[in-house]
Protein backbone atom coordinates (compact mmCIF):
# COMPACT_ATOMS: atom_id res chain seq x y z
CA MET A 1 4.22 20.37 -21.08
CA ARG A 2 5.77 17.60 -19.00
CA ARG A 3 3.43 15.02 -20.53
CA VAL A 4 4.33 16.16 -24.07
CA SER A 5 8.05 15.93 -23.33
CA PHE A 6 7.66 12.39 -22.00
CA ILE A 7 5.73 11.36 -25.11
CA ILE A 8 8.47 12.80 -27.33
CA ILE A 9 11.11 10.95 -25.33
CA GLY A 10 9.08 7.77 -25.61
CA LEU A 11 8.64 7.98 -29.35
CA TRP A 12 12.31 8.78 -29.81
CA ALA A 13 13.43 5.90 -27.61
CA TYR A 14 10.90 3.57 -29.23
CA THR A 15 12.13 4.40 -32.73
CA LEU A 16 15.74 3.91 -31.74
CA SER A 17 14.94 0.63 -29.99
CA ILE A 18 13.69 -0.73 -33.30
CA TRP A 19 16.66 0.22 -35.44
CA CYS A 20 19.21 -0.07 -32.64
CA THR A 21 20.10 -3.58 -33.76
CA PRO A 22 23.71 -4.52 -32.94
CA ASN A 23 26.10 -5.37 -35.68
CA GLU A 24 27.52 -8.86 -36.02
CA THR A 25 30.33 -8.27 -33.52
CA GLU A 26 27.91 -6.90 -30.96
CA LYS A 27 25.18 -9.54 -31.15
CA ASP A 28 26.70 -11.62 -28.37
CA SER A 29 27.35 -8.63 -26.15
CA SER A 30 25.00 -8.37 -23.18
CA GLN A 31 25.96 -4.71 -22.86
CA PHE A 32 24.42 -3.47 -26.11
CA VAL A 33 21.09 -3.13 -24.29
CA THR A 34 20.91 -3.62 -20.54
CA ALA A 35 17.77 -3.96 -18.44
CA SER A 36 17.80 -3.61 -14.66
CA LEU A 37 15.37 -3.47 -11.79
CA ILE A 38 15.80 -0.30 -9.73
CA VAL A 39 14.66 -0.32 -6.09
CA ALA A 40 14.52 2.76 -3.86
CA THR A 41 14.28 2.61 -0.08
CA PRO A 42 11.11 3.87 1.70
CA GLY A 43 10.33 7.57 1.96
CA ASP A 44 8.48 9.79 4.42
CA ALA A 45 5.18 10.02 2.53
CA ILE A 46 2.69 7.30 3.42
CA TYR A 47 2.36 6.21 -0.22
CA SER A 48 6.15 5.78 -0.44
CA SER A 49 6.49 3.97 2.88
CA PHE A 50 7.26 0.69 1.09
CA GLY A 51 9.85 2.16 -1.28
CA HIS A 52 9.66 2.30 -5.06
CA CYS A 53 10.49 0.12 -8.09
CA ALA A 54 11.36 1.01 -11.67
CA ILE A 55 12.91 -0.61 -14.73
CA ARG A 56 16.09 0.96 -16.10
CA MET A 57 16.81 0.53 -19.80
CA GLU A 58 20.21 1.47 -21.23
CA CYS A 59 21.68 1.48 -24.73
CA PRO A 60 25.18 2.98 -24.31
CA GLU A 61 25.84 2.72 -28.06
CA HIS A 62 23.16 5.35 -28.71
CA GLY A 63 23.33 7.25 -25.40
CA LEU A 64 19.94 6.06 -24.13
CA ASP A 65 19.39 5.66 -20.42
CA TYR A 66 15.88 5.87 -18.95
CA CYS A 67 14.03 4.67 -15.88
CA PHE A 68 10.46 3.55 -16.56
CA SER A 69 8.28 3.94 -13.51
CA LEU A 70 4.60 3.62 -12.64
CA GLU A 71 3.68 6.98 -11.13
CA MET A 72 0.48 8.41 -9.68
CA ASP A 73 -1.05 11.46 -11.28
CA ALA A 74 -0.94 13.38 -7.98
CA GLN A 75 1.18 16.00 -6.31
CA PRO A 76 3.35 15.19 -3.26
CA GLY A 77 1.17 15.29 -0.17
CA ASP A 78 -2.03 14.74 -2.13
CA TYR A 79 -3.42 12.27 0.39
CA LEU A 80 -7.06 12.97 -0.51
CA LYS A 81 -6.68 11.57 -4.03
CA PHE A 82 -4.68 8.66 -2.69
CA PHE A 83 -7.15 7.51 -0.04
CA THR A 84 -10.25 8.18 -2.11
CA GLY A 85 -8.90 5.96 -4.87
CA LYS A 86 -8.87 8.81 -7.38
CA SER A 87 -5.15 8.73 -8.12
CA MET A 88 -4.67 7.70 -11.72
CA ALA A 89 -1.37 6.13 -12.70
CA ARG A 90 0.69 5.54 -15.82
CA VAL A 91 4.17 4.53 -16.84
CA ILE A 92 6.54 7.44 -17.36
CA ALA A 93 10.13 7.56 -18.61
CA VAL A 94 12.66 9.76 -16.83
CA PRO A 95 16.32 10.16 -17.73
CA SER A 96 18.05 7.93 -15.19
CA GLU A 97 20.25 10.74 -13.90
CA ASP A 98 17.18 12.85 -13.04
CA PHE A 99 15.34 9.85 -11.62
CA ILE A 100 18.20 9.00 -9.26
CA LEU A 101 18.77 12.64 -8.30
CA SER A 102 15.22 12.92 -6.95
CA TYR A 103 15.98 10.18 -4.41
CA LYS A 104 19.33 11.69 -3.50
CA GLU A 105 17.55 14.87 -2.45
CA GLU A 106 15.36 12.80 -0.11
CA GLY A 107 18.30 10.86 1.30
CA ARG A 108 16.85 7.57 0.04
CA GLY A 109 19.01 4.68 -1.12
CA VAL A 110 18.83 3.30 -4.67
CA SER A 111 20.10 -0.10 -5.84
CA GLN A 112 20.26 -1.67 -9.30
CA TYR A 113 19.77 -5.37 -10.10
CA PRO A 114 20.69 -6.45 -13.68
CA LEU A 115 18.07 -8.66 -15.34
CA ASN A 116 19.20 -11.86 -17.03
CA LEU A 117 17.23 -11.38 -20.27
CA THR A 118 18.25 -12.22 -23.81
CA LEU A 119 18.86 -9.35 -26.21
CA PRO A 120 15.52 -9.87 -28.06
CA GLU A 121 13.73 -9.93 -24.71
CA LYS A 122 15.38 -6.70 -23.60
CA GLN A 123 14.41 -5.05 -26.86
CA LEU A 124 10.84 -6.31 -26.47
CA LEU A 125 10.76 -5.06 -22.90
CA TRP A 126 11.86 -1.61 -24.07
CA LYS A 127 9.26 -1.62 -26.83
CA ASN A 128 6.50 -2.61 -24.40
CA LEU A 129 7.52 0.07 -21.92
CA ASP A 130 7.52 2.71 -24.64
CA GLU A 131 4.07 1.69 -25.79
CA GLU A 132 2.75 1.77 -22.23
CA MET A 133 4.36 5.14 -21.58
CA VAL A 134 2.69 7.05 -24.42
CA LYS A 135 -0.73 6.19 -23.02
CA PRO A 136 -2.42 8.90 -20.90
CA PRO A 137 -3.06 8.17 -17.19
CA HIS A 138 -5.48 5.26 -17.42
CA LEU A 139 -4.77 2.99 -14.46
CA THR A 140 -6.55 3.55 -11.15
CA PHE A 141 -3.83 3.24 -8.54
CA ASN A 142 -4.50 0.29 -6.26
CA LEU A 143 -2.11 -0.71 -3.48
CA LEU A 144 -2.67 -4.38 -4.24
CA LYS A 145 -2.91 -4.82 -7.97
CA THR A 146 -1.78 -1.60 -9.64
CA ASN A 147 1.49 -0.53 -8.08
CA CYS A 148 5.13 -0.11 -9.04
CA ALA A 149 6.25 -3.60 -7.95
CA MET A 150 3.42 -5.26 -9.87
CA MET A 151 4.15 -3.16 -12.96
CA SER A 152 7.83 -4.08 -12.89
CA ILE A 153 7.40 -7.85 -12.65
CA ILE A 154 4.45 -7.97 -15.10
CA MET A 155 6.39 -5.97 -17.72
CA ILE A 156 9.35 -8.33 -17.29
CA GLU A 157 7.12 -11.39 -17.64
CA ASN A 158 5.43 -9.97 -20.75
CA ALA A 159 8.81 -9.49 -22.43
CA LEU A 160 9.86 -13.15 -22.13
CA ILE A 161 9.92 -15.13 -25.36
CA GLU A 162 8.81 -18.75 -24.94
CA GLU A 163 9.83 -18.48 -21.28
CA GLN A 164 8.27 -17.71 -17.92
CA VAL A 165 9.30 -16.55 -14.46
CA VAL A 166 9.14 -19.30 -11.85
CA PHE A 167 9.28 -18.27 -8.21
CA LYS A 168 11.53 -20.58 -6.21
CA LYS A 169 13.12 -20.33 -2.76
CA MET A 170 10.50 -17.88 -1.57
CA PRO A 171 11.09 -16.12 1.76
CA LYS A 172 8.95 -17.61 4.50
CA GLU A 173 6.97 -14.35 4.81
CA MET A 174 5.40 -14.99 1.41
CA ALA A 175 3.47 -17.87 2.98
CA LEU A 176 1.58 -15.32 5.09
CA ASN A 177 -1.84 -14.12 4.01
CA ASN A 178 -2.21 -10.61 2.58
CA GLY A 179 -2.86 -8.89 5.91
CA GLU A 180 -0.02 -10.58 7.76
CA LEU A 181 2.35 -9.80 4.88
CA LEU A 182 1.30 -6.16 4.82
CA ARG A 183 1.86 -5.94 8.56
CA TYR A 184 5.34 -7.47 8.13
CA CYS A 185 6.28 -5.05 5.33
CA SER A 186 5.07 -2.01 7.28
CA ASN A 187 6.63 -2.79 10.68
CA HIS A 188 8.89 0.25 10.27
CA THR A 189 5.93 2.64 10.07
CA PRO A 190 3.34 1.97 12.82
CA TRP A 191 1.05 4.80 11.73
CA GLY A 192 1.23 3.79 8.09
CA GLN A 193 0.42 0.23 9.12
CA PHE A 194 -2.47 1.45 11.28
CA ILE A 195 -4.01 3.43 8.41
CA TYR A 196 -3.47 0.70 5.81
CA MET A 197 -5.08 -1.97 7.99
CA ILE A 198 -8.19 0.17 8.50
CA PHE A 199 -8.88 0.07 4.78
CA TYR A 200 -7.52 -3.38 3.92
CA GLY A 201 -10.78 -5.20 4.51
CA ALA A 202 -11.47 -8.92 4.22
CA VAL A 203 -8.84 -9.14 1.49
CA SER A 204 -6.45 -9.43 4.46
CA ASP A 205 -7.41 -13.06 4.85
CA GLU A 206 -6.81 -13.93 1.20
CA GLN A 207 -3.56 -14.81 -0.53
CA PHE A 208 -3.08 -13.40 -4.00
CA GLU A 209 -0.70 -14.59 -6.69
CA THR A 210 2.91 -13.61 -6.08
CA GLU A 211 2.95 -10.84 -8.70
CA TYR A 212 0.08 -9.06 -6.96
CA ARG A 213 1.37 -9.14 -3.39
CA LEU A 214 4.90 -7.81 -3.83
CA SER A 215 6.14 -4.56 -2.36
CA PRO A 216 9.40 -2.75 -3.17
CA ASN A 217 10.89 -3.67 0.20
CA MET A 218 10.13 -7.37 -0.43
CA ILE A 219 10.56 -7.76 -4.17
CA ILE A 220 14.31 -8.45 -4.18
CA ASP A 221 14.04 -11.18 -1.54
CA VAL A 222 11.45 -12.87 -3.76
CA LEU A 223 13.14 -12.36 -7.13
CA LYS A 224 16.58 -13.48 -5.94
CA GLY A 225 15.13 -16.99 -5.75
CA ALA A 226 13.26 -16.71 -9.06
CA VAL A 227 14.38 -18.26 -12.34
CA ILE A 228 13.52 -17.82 -16.00
CA SER A 229 12.33 -21.18 -17.25
CA SER A 230 11.95 -22.33 -20.84
CA ASN A 231 8.46 -23.38 -21.89
CA GLU A 232 9.84 -26.12 -24.13
CA THR A 233 12.84 -27.51 -22.26
CA THR A 234 14.01 -27.90 -18.67
CA GLU A 235 16.54 -25.11 -19.09
CA GLU A 236 16.54 -22.49 -16.34
CA ARG A 237 18.60 -19.44 -15.49
CA PRO A 238 18.49 -16.94 -12.60
CA LEU A 239 16.32 -13.88 -13.09
CA PHE A 240 19.18 -11.64 -11.99
CA LYS A 241 22.64 -11.70 -13.52
CA GLY A 242 25.78 -9.88 -12.43
CA GLU A 243 26.53 -7.83 -9.36
CA THR A 244 24.10 -5.64 -7.53
CA LYS A 245 25.06 -1.99 -7.82
CA GLN A 246 24.35 0.49 -5.07
CA ILE A 247 23.73 3.69 -6.96
CA LEU A 248 22.92 5.78 -3.90
CA PRO A 249 23.54 5.05 -0.23
CA GLN A 250 20.70 5.74 2.14
CA THR A 251 21.61 8.89 4.09
CA THR A 252 18.31 9.49 5.86
CA GLN A 253 17.15 6.88 8.37
CA LEU A 254 13.41 6.76 8.84
CA ALA A 255 12.57 6.37 12.51
CA PRO A 256 9.06 5.37 13.65
CA HIS A 257 7.16 8.13 15.41
CA PRO A 258 7.71 7.71 19.17
CA ILE A 259 3.96 7.97 19.79
CA THR A 260 2.57 4.79 18.24
CA PRO A 261 -1.15 4.12 17.68
CA THR A 262 -1.15 1.62 20.55
CA LEU A 263 0.41 4.18 22.90
CA LEU A 264 -1.89 7.02 21.87
CA PHE A 265 -5.16 5.09 22.06
CA SER A 266 -4.14 3.41 25.31
CA PHE A 267 -3.69 6.89 26.77
CA ILE A 268 -7.13 7.91 25.45
CA LEU A 269 -8.66 4.75 26.93
CA ILE A 270 -7.21 5.61 30.34
CA LEU A 271 -8.60 9.14 29.99
CA ILE A 272 -12.03 7.75 29.10
CA LEU A 273 -11.96 5.46 32.14
CA ILE A 274 -11.11 8.43 34.37
CA ILE A 275 -13.97 10.49 32.91
CA THR A 276 -16.37 7.57 33.36
CA PHE A 277 -15.26 7.11 36.96
CA GLY A 278 -15.67 10.84 37.56
CA GLU A 279 -19.18 10.76 36.08
CA TRP A 280 -20.26 8.09 38.58
CA CYS A 281 -18.42 9.40 41.62
CA PHE A 282 -18.11 13.16 41.17
CA GLY A 283 -20.96 14.09 38.85
CA TRP A 284 -18.82 14.97 35.80
CA ASN A 285 -21.91 14.85 33.63
CA ARG A 286 -21.04 17.77 31.37
CA ILE A 287 -17.55 16.46 30.63
CA ALA A 288 -19.00 12.99 30.00
CA HIS A 289 -21.64 14.34 27.57
CA ILE A 290 -19.02 16.31 25.64
CA THR A 291 -16.85 13.20 25.49
CA ASP A 292 -19.74 11.12 24.16
CA ALA A 293 -20.51 13.75 21.52
CA ILE A 294 -16.88 13.80 20.34
CA LEU A 295 -16.77 10.01 20.21
CA LEU A 296 -20.05 9.76 18.27
CA VAL A 297 -18.98 12.37 15.71
CA SER A 298 -15.55 10.73 15.34
CA GLN A 299 -17.09 7.27 15.01
CA THR A 300 -19.49 8.52 12.34
CA GLY A 301 -16.76 10.32 10.42
CA ALA A 302 -14.54 7.24 10.47
CA GLY A 303 -17.49 5.08 9.41
CA ILE A 304 -18.27 7.28 6.40
CA ILE A 305 -14.62 7.24 5.29
CA ILE A 306 -14.31 3.47 5.67
CA LEU A 307 -17.63 2.90 3.90
CA TYR A 308 -16.57 5.11 1.00
CA ALA A 309 -13.13 3.49 0.77
CA SER A 310 -14.63 -0.01 0.85
CA VAL A 311 -17.38 0.55 -1.70
CA PHE A 312 -16.21 3.34 -4.01
CA ALA A 313 -12.51 4.19 -3.64
CA ASN A 314 -11.03 0.83 -4.70
CA LEU A 315 -7.75 1.63 -2.91
CA PHE A 316 -7.40 -2.03 -1.98
CA GLY A 317 -10.20 -3.39 -4.12
CA ASN A 318 -13.88 -3.51 -3.19
CA ARG A 319 -14.13 -5.94 -0.29
CA TRP A 320 -16.07 -6.32 2.95
CA ASN A 321 -14.36 -4.36 5.72
CA TRP A 322 -14.60 -5.70 9.27
CA TYR A 323 -14.24 -2.22 10.75
CA LEU A 324 -17.61 -1.25 9.32
CA ILE A 325 -19.11 -3.08 12.32
CA PRO A 326 -17.91 -0.62 14.99
CA PHE A 327 -17.47 2.32 12.61
CA ASN A 328 -20.50 3.23 10.50
CA PRO A 329 -23.06 6.07 10.29
CA LEU A 330 -25.91 3.97 11.71
CA PRO A 331 -25.42 4.86 15.44
CA MET A 332 -25.52 8.58 14.62
CA LEU A 333 -28.63 8.10 12.48
CA ILE A 334 -30.38 6.13 15.23
CA TRP A 335 -29.44 8.75 17.81
CA LEU A 336 -30.79 11.59 15.67
CA LEU A 337 -34.09 9.79 15.07
CA ALA A 338 -34.73 8.18 18.44
CA HIS A 339 -32.61 9.65 21.26
CA LYS A 340 -35.69 11.29 22.83
CA LYS A 341 -37.58 8.00 23.02
CA THR A 342 -38.29 6.71 26.52
CA HIS A 343 -36.38 3.45 26.22
CA PHE A 344 -33.57 4.69 23.96
CA TRP A 345 -31.01 3.69 26.60
CA GLU A 346 -31.72 0.03 25.77
CA ILE A 347 -30.15 0.54 22.34
CA TYR A 348 -26.82 1.13 24.08
CA LEU A 349 -26.99 -2.44 25.40
CA PHE A 350 -27.44 -3.81 21.88
CA TYR A 351 -24.50 -1.74 20.61
CA SER A 352 -22.35 -2.80 23.57
CA ILE A 353 -23.05 -6.48 22.92
CA THR A 354 -22.15 -5.94 19.24
CA LEU A 355 -18.83 -4.38 20.24
CA ILE A 356 -18.07 -7.21 22.67
CA ILE A 357 -18.69 -9.80 19.96
CA PHE A 358 -16.55 -7.79 17.53
CA ILE A 359 -13.65 -7.71 19.99
CA SER A 360 -13.98 -11.46 20.58
CA ILE A 361 -13.52 -12.27 16.87
CA THR A 362 -10.14 -10.51 16.67
CA PRO A 363 -8.20 -13.79 16.19
CA LEU A 364 -10.42 -14.76 13.24
CA SER A 365 -9.16 -12.09 10.80
CA SER A 366 -5.69 -10.71 10.17
CA GLN A 367 -7.23 -7.29 9.57
CA LEU A 368 -8.16 -6.99 13.24
CA ASP A 369 -5.45 -6.02 15.70
CA ILE A 370 -4.80 -4.49 19.11
CA PRO A 371 -4.42 -0.79 18.17
CA HIS A 372 -7.78 -0.71 16.40
CA GLN A 373 -9.52 -2.79 19.03
CA ILE A 374 -8.40 -0.38 21.74
CA ILE A 375 -10.61 2.15 19.96
CA THR A 376 -13.44 -0.38 20.03
CA ILE A 377 -12.93 -0.78 23.78
CA ILE A 378 -13.09 3.02 24.17
CA LEU A 379 -16.49 3.01 22.46
CA LEU A 380 -17.59 0.02 24.53
CA VAL A 381 -16.75 1.75 27.82
CA ARG A 382 -18.98 4.69 26.95
CA THR A 383 -21.89 2.77 25.39
CA LEU A 384 -22.01 0.37 28.32
CA ASN A 385 -21.84 3.34 30.67
CA CYS A 386 -24.76 5.03 28.88
CA TYR A 387 -26.80 1.85 29.18
CA LEU A 388 -26.12 1.49 32.91
CA ILE A 389 -26.95 5.14 33.59
CA GLY A 390 -30.15 4.87 31.54
CA ARG A 391 -31.23 1.75 33.40
CA LYS A 392 -30.45 3.42 36.73
CA GLN A 393 -32.50 6.49 35.86
CA ASN A 394 -35.49 4.44 34.66
CA LYS A 395 -35.82 2.16 37.68
């Protein structure tokens, strides 16, 4: 029912956008049709941790006021669809009052930035948005190349007539590679950053075009220095025009969870060291074996998830993922097939050396960082311990 109502709204708005041509006294008025970029502050959900962007189209003469937004075809809290790359997305149109009200209920701030487009460009933008909106969900949501910030700037660029957007006076953070930029944009959410970096893969070390590396909490800093440039002359004008309007103040302040990934896994590492010490000095063999079983199952589970996300999910695009080295199903498979072999303990040495090399290459990729490598050290402590105990028992 909701989809049908949006299609009806779209067709109605599209029809009016065609015949809503101003009369002669209105043709020079920038207020006949207004186009603005709407930016909402970050929310609690991990997929809203960067905020949200939309395009607001208004025609006061005919009482039209809608926010066009790229939305996932998923329910709030549907993390499984999100992380398995199964969330389809499409552009929807929501009456601006309802759109803004949804953020007010969450205590999130909303600001409006008027776009400096000509009247024909604003009408073309509205037409393009309407045409995109009546399509069924057909875009696979991708945090890099199919997101609300990308949709907003691409739709604006596609509406320009014999003009283009030129990015000037870029913030220094835009010179960072993808991984460093993601880490900068997610500093306010350590756990969100931790999860995103697991799946980011080797794309971290690349640097995409500006349109495909924007996030809602960075887009204004970038677009404030952007201009609309003529393709035929040297004429330029700012992308934004007029005063920024704060539609809603932010009433809910998002505070990072006091237990950060670094803190939690450092605590676990200390616990693992204590158990290892107790195994050598006090014979805590049972506790040590249970610990190893938990670590192996957890490592395998993480490996399967990362492998699926890297090859099939397309959440960040299909790329090599460095964390497939310490986290993959191979150790569990080898253990199941060969743990009763006489010299199986020697395999632990090979795995330990692999983990040591992996830790040593941390500076070579922006995907690799301290919180995740603490987990690698946890695995290293136990695999090296298993090797030393095996060698001791086979002397």
